[in-house]
Protein backbone atom coordinates (compact mmCIF):
# COMPACT_ATOMS: atom_id res chain seq x y z
CA MET A 1 74.54 116.47 80.23
CA PRO A 2 76.25 119.63 78.47
CA LYS A 3 75.64 119.88 74.70
CA LEU A 4 77.61 121.36 72.34
CA TYR A 5 76.89 124.91 71.06
CA ARG A 6 76.57 124.87 66.94
CA LEU A 7 79.16 127.04 65.85
CA SER A 8 80.33 127.78 62.56
CA GLY A 9 84.31 128.27 61.68
CA SER A 10 84.62 131.99 61.85
CA ALA A 11 82.96 132.14 65.04
CA VAL A 12 85.58 129.35 66.24
CA VAL A 13 88.10 131.36 64.97
CA ASN A 14 87.26 134.33 67.20
CA ILE A 15 86.46 132.49 70.44
CA LEU A 16 90.41 130.91 69.64
CA GLU A 17 91.44 134.61 68.85
CA SER A 18 90.22 135.81 72.22
CA PHE A 19 92.96 133.18 73.17
CA GLY A 20 96.06 134.44 71.46
CA PHE A 21 96.16 132.66 68.44
CA SER A 22 96.07 134.32 64.76
CA ILE A 23 95.24 133.32 61.70
CA HIS A 24 98.57 132.37 59.98
CA SER A 25 97.51 131.22 56.71
CA GLN A 26 94.55 129.91 54.75
CA LYS A 27 94.14 127.39 51.89
CA GLY A 28 90.47 126.77 50.58
CA SER A 29 88.05 126.63 53.27
CA HIS A 30 90.51 125.86 55.88
CA ALA A 31 92.42 128.39 58.07
CA LYS A 32 95.86 127.65 60.09
CA LEU A 33 95.48 129.55 63.29
CA ARG A 34 99.02 129.66 65.30
CA ARG A 35 100.53 131.27 68.55
CA ILE A 36 103.32 131.05 70.33
CA GLY A 37 103.26 129.59 73.83
CA PRO A 38 105.57 128.78 76.58
CA ASN A 39 109.30 127.85 75.87
CA SER A 40 108.58 129.53 72.75
CA ARG A 41 106.54 126.57 71.29
CA LYS A 42 104.70 126.81 68.61
CA GLN A 43 101.17 125.88 68.90
CA THR A 44 98.74 125.25 65.45
CA LEU A 45 95.22 124.46 65.12
CA THR A 46 93.60 124.28 61.35
CA ILE A 47 89.64 125.24 61.38
CA PRO A 48 87.27 124.72 58.67
CA LEU A 49 85.82 128.11 57.41
CA HIS A 50 82.16 125.96 56.97
CA ARG A 51 78.61 127.78 57.71
CA GLU A 52 78.06 125.41 60.42
CA LEU A 53 80.59 122.85 62.13
CA ASP A 54 79.21 119.02 63.05
CA SER A 55 79.22 118.19 66.11
CA GLY A 56 81.31 115.75 65.83
CA THR A 57 84.41 118.24 63.63
CA LEU A 58 83.74 120.72 66.96
CA ARG A 59 84.28 118.16 69.79
CA ALA A 60 87.83 117.41 67.55
CA ILE A 61 88.91 121.14 67.87
CA PHE A 62 87.71 121.39 71.17
CA ARG A 63 90.17 118.53 72.26
CA GLN A 64 92.85 119.65 70.30
CA ALA A 65 92.58 123.13 71.76
CA SER A 66 92.99 121.52 75.48
CA GLN A 67 95.90 120.81 75.13
CA TYR A 68 97.04 124.44 74.64
CA ILE A 69 93.99 126.28 76.48
CA PRO A 70 93.03 125.53 80.44
CA ASP A 71 89.35 122.99 79.97
CA ASP A 72 87.76 125.40 82.50
CA GLU A 73 88.44 128.49 80.27
CA LEU A 74 87.27 126.91 76.83
CA ARG A 75 84.85 124.24 77.62
CA PRO A 76 81.86 127.96 77.90
CA ARG A 77 82.56 129.15 74.68
CA PHE A 78 81.62 125.04 72.97
CA TYR A 79 79.24 123.64 75.88
CA THR A 80 76.22 124.76 77.11
CA GLU A 81 75.87 125.14 81.11
CA GLU A 82 73.63 121.69 81.36
């Protein structure tokens, strides 16, 4: 069974920036990332900028990002290959 990598908030932001997201705003320790998708629809994700994200938080971010990014492209960045 694949395991989640232990990622920081800034590492997740870097991963999502490689898929075209950019930081739209930041309030406290949370960054709002946004990109314009097909049909000019705004796609928004909120990422906590903590030193290390909990596994449940990472799974939730992965699940939300999977709405916008194909699973086979996103999964290797969040999960090991076991």
